[in-house]
C-alpha atoms as a PDB file:
ATOM      1  CA  MET A   1       0.000   0.000   0.000  1.00  0.00           C
ATOM      2  CA  SER A   2       1.505   3.312  -1.081  1.00  0.00           C
ATOM      3  CA  ASN A   3       0.946   6.398   1.028  1.00  0.00           C
ATOM      4  CA  ASN A   4       1.676   9.269  -1.369  1.00  0.00           C
ATOM      5  CA  ILE A   5       0.713  12.765  -0.261  1.00  0.00           C
ATOM      6  CA  ASP A   6       0.274  15.513  -2.823  1.00  0.00           C
ATOM      7  CA  SER A   7       1.913  18.446  -1.075  1.00  0.00           C
ATOM      8  CA  ALA A   8       0.473  21.043  -3.461  1.00  0.00           C
ATOM      9  CA  ALA A   9      -3.094  19.820  -2.874  1.00  0.00           C
ATOM     10  CA  LEU A  10      -2.485  19.700   0.878  1.00  0.00           C
ATOM     11  CA  LEU A  11      -1.114  23.255   0.894  1.00  0.00           C
ATOM     12  CA  THR A  12      -4.101  24.491  -1.112  1.00  0.00           C
ATOM     13  CA  GLN A  13      -6.503  22.851   1.325  1.00  0.00           C
ATOM     14  CA  LEU A  14      -4.704  24.368   4.306  1.00  0.00           C
ATOM     15  CA  ARG A  15      -4.823  27.841   2.768  1.00  0.00           C
ATOM     16  CA  THR A  16      -8.520  27.464   1.984  1.00  0.00           C
ATOM     17  CA  MET A  17      -9.291  26.360   5.537  1.00  0.00           C
ATOM     18  CA  ALA A  18      -7.223  29.213   6.968  1.00  0.00           C
ATOM     19  CA  SER A  19      -9.025  31.799   4.852  1.00  0.00           C
ATOM     20  CA  GLN A  20     -12.392  30.351   5.925  1.00  0.00           C
ATOM     21  CA  ALA A  21     -11.291  30.632   9.547  1.00  0.00           C
ATOM     22  CA  GLY A  22     -10.400  34.293   9.017  1.00  0.00           C
ATOM     23  CA  ILE A  23      -6.647  33.841   9.303  1.00  0.00           C
ATOM     24  CA  PRO A  24      -4.796  36.186   6.921  1.00  0.00           C
ATOM     25  CA  SER A  25      -2.393  34.608   4.469  1.00  0.00           C
ATOM     26  CA  ALA A  26       1.352  34.959   4.900  1.00  0.00           C
ATOM     27  CA  LYS A  27       1.473  37.400   1.992  1.00  0.00           C
ATOM     28  CA  GLU A  28      -0.912  39.750   3.798  1.00  0.00           C
ATOM     29  CA  THR A  29       0.878  39.624   7.156  1.00  0.00           C
ATOM     30  CA  THR A  30       4.382  40.401   5.975  1.00  0.00           C
ATOM     31  CA  ALA A  31       5.145  44.076   6.286  1.00  0.00           C
ATOM     32  CA  PRO A  32       7.827  45.691   4.163  1.00  0.00           C
ATOM     33  CA  VAL A  33      11.139  45.889   5.961  1.00  0.00           C
ATOM     34  CA  GLU A  34      12.585  49.355   6.247  1.00  0.00           C
ATOM     35  CA  ALA A  35      16.155  49.607   5.125  1.00  0.00           C
ATOM     36  CA  GLY A  36      18.304  50.923   7.932  1.00  0.00           C
ATOM     37  CA  PRO A  37      22.025  51.392   8.208  1.00  0.00           C
ATOM     38  CA  GLN A  38      24.045  48.247   7.696  1.00  0.00           C
ATOM     39  CA  PHE A  39      25.976  46.818  10.636  1.00  0.00           C
ATOM     40  CA  THR A  40      29.269  47.283   8.834  1.00  0.00           C
ATOM     41  CA  GLN A  41      28.466  50.943   8.192  1.00  0.00           C
ATOM     42  CA  VAL A  42      27.650  51.541  11.854  1.00  0.00           C
ATOM     43  CA  LEU A  43      30.836  49.778  12.928  1.00  0.00           C
ATOM     44  CA  GLN A  44      32.929  51.736  10.418  1.00  0.00           C
ATOM     45  CA  GLN A  45      31.426  55.040  11.602  1.00  0.00           C
ATOM     46  CA  SER A  46      32.159  54.091  15.211  1.00  0.00           C
ATOM     47  CA  LEU A  47      35.773  53.283  14.396  1.00  0.00           C
ATOM     48  CA  GLU A  48      36.194  56.574  12.558  1.00  0.00           C
ATOM     49  CA  SER A  49      34.583  58.482  15.429  1.00  0.00           C
ATOM     50  CA  VAL A  50      36.890  56.933  18.026  1.00  0.00           C
ATOM     51  CA  ASN A  51      39.907  57.573  15.806  1.00  0.00           C
ATOM     52  CA  GLN A  52      38.907  61.212  15.294  1.00  0.00           C
ATOM     53  CA  ARG A  53      38.394  61.708  19.028  1.00  0.00           C
ATOM     54  CA  GLN A  54      41.844  60.288  19.780  1.00  0.00           C
ATOM     55  CA  GLN A  55      43.486  62.465  17.142  1.00  0.00           C
ATOM     56  CA  THR A  56      41.745  65.567  18.494  1.00  0.00           C
ATOM     57  CA  ALA A  57      42.892  64.777  22.035  1.00  0.00           C
ATOM     58  CA  ALA A  58      46.458  64.184  20.846  1.00  0.00           C
ATOM     59  CA  LYS A  59      46.500  67.505  18.963  1.00  0.00           C
ATOM     60  CA  LEU A  60      45.210  69.373  22.012  1.00  0.00           C
ATOM     61  CA  ALA A  61      47.823  67.728  24.227  1.00  0.00           C
ATOM     62  CA  LYS A  62      50.565  68.612  21.748  1.00  0.00           C
ATOM     63  CA  SER A  63      49.345  72.229  21.570  1.00  0.00           C
ATOM     64  CA  PHE A  64      49.310  72.456  25.360  1.00  0.00           C
ATOM     65  CA  GLU A  65      52.836  71.023  25.584  1.00  0.00           C
ATOM     66  CA  LEU A  66      54.061  73.576  23.053  1.00  0.00           C
ATOM     67  CA  GLY A  67      52.618  76.370  25.213  1.00  0.00           C
ATOM     68  CA  ASP A  68      49.604  77.441  23.149  1.00  0.00           C
ATOM     69  CA  PRO A  69      47.799  80.055  25.312  1.00  0.00           C
ATOM     70  CA  ASN A  70      44.401  79.146  23.799  1.00  0.00           C
ATOM     71  CA  VAL A  71      44.510  75.563  25.148  1.00  0.00           C
ATOM     72  CA  GLU A  72      43.782  74.956  28.820  1.00  0.00           C
ATOM     73  CA  LEU A  73      44.827  71.920  30.845  1.00  0.00           C
ATOM     74  CA  SER A  74      41.229  71.145  31.812  1.00  0.00           C
ATOM     75  CA  GLN A  75      40.229  71.081  28.144  1.00  0.00           C
ATOM     76  CA  VAL A  76      43.085  68.693  27.343  1.00  0.00           C
ATOM     77  CA  MET A  77      42.220  66.388  30.254  1.00  0.00           C
ATOM     78  CA  ILE A  78      38.526  66.258  29.324  1.00  0.00           C
ATOM     79  CA  GLU A  79      39.295  65.401  25.699  1.00  0.00           C
ATOM     80  CA  MET A  80      41.807  62.750  26.773  1.00  0.00           C
ATOM     81  CA  GLN A  81      39.207  61.127  29.042  1.00  0.00           C
ATOM     82  CA  LYS A  82      36.587  61.213  26.285  1.00  0.00           C
ATOM     83  CA  ALA A  83      39.054  59.496  23.943  1.00  0.00           C
ATOM     84  CA  ARG A  84      39.908  56.883  26.570  1.00  0.00           C
ATOM     85  CA  ILE A  85      36.262  56.095  27.320  1.00  0.00           C
ATOM     86  CA  SER A  86      35.441  55.878  23.608  1.00  0.00           C
ATOM     87  CA  PHE A  87      38.303  53.466  23.050  1.00  0.00           C
ATOM     88  CA  GLU A  88      37.328  51.309  26.040  1.00  0.00           C
ATOM     89  CA  THR A  89      33.731  51.156  24.801  1.00  0.00           C
ATOM     90  CA  LEU A  90      34.910  50.124  21.350  1.00  0.00           C
ATOM     91  CA  SER A  91      37.140  47.457  22.906  1.00  0.00           C
ATOM     92  CA  GLN A  92      34.206  46.021  24.872  1.00  0.00           C
ATOM     93  CA  VAL A  93      32.044  45.916  21.751  1.00  0.00           C
ATOM     94  CA  ARG A  94      34.842  44.082  19.955  1.00  0.00           C
ATOM     95  CA  ASN A  95      35.132  41.614  22.839  1.00  0.00           C
ATOM     96  CA  LYS A  96      31.380  40.926  22.711  1.00  0.00           C
ATOM     97  CA  LEU A  97      31.531  40.399  18.940  1.00  0.00           C
ATOM     98  CA  VAL A  98      34.419  37.951  19.281  1.00  0.00           C
ATOM     99  CA  SER A  99      32.590  36.136  22.065  1.00  0.00           C
ATOM    100  CA  ALA A 100      29.410  35.869  19.985  1.00  0.00           C
ATOM    101  CA  TYR A 101      31.398  34.640  16.983  1.00  0.00           C
ATOM    102  CA  GLN A 102      33.124  31.966  19.080  1.00  0.00           C
ATOM    103  CA  GLU A 103      29.790  30.881  20.556  1.00  0.00           C
ATOM    104  CA  ILE A 104      28.253  30.556  17.080  1.00  0.00           C
ATOM    105  CA  MET A 105      31.278  28.610  15.809  1.00  0.00           C
ATOM    106  CA  ASN A 106      30.995  26.182  18.731  1.00  0.00           C
ATOM    107  CA  MET A 107      27.323  25.414  18.038  1.00  0.00           C
ATOM    108  CA  PRO A 108      26.666  21.902  16.809  1.00  0.00           C
ATOM    109  CA  VAL A 109      25.416  21.752  13.251  1.00  0.00           C
END
């Protein structure tokens, strides 16, 4: 005895029963996905931002060391701390990404 199931007929019957029950089809329930910034773009912008902050802090420190009267020590210290915190945040994000990658690679297939 052969037990062949026609999958197309079965799918048609299921869709008919779902429409009779008032359940919207999958085509009706899917909403268009809005295109947002790509992950790589966000990461690249973050890297550039941290780099720019560090360069700005280094320039201010250099100007202060050379005796520029327009640069105050407090301004230099604040910019240096902002650069340090930005770099530490970026390092933690990198650590989380590496951890997630290693966890995914260790998953059984």
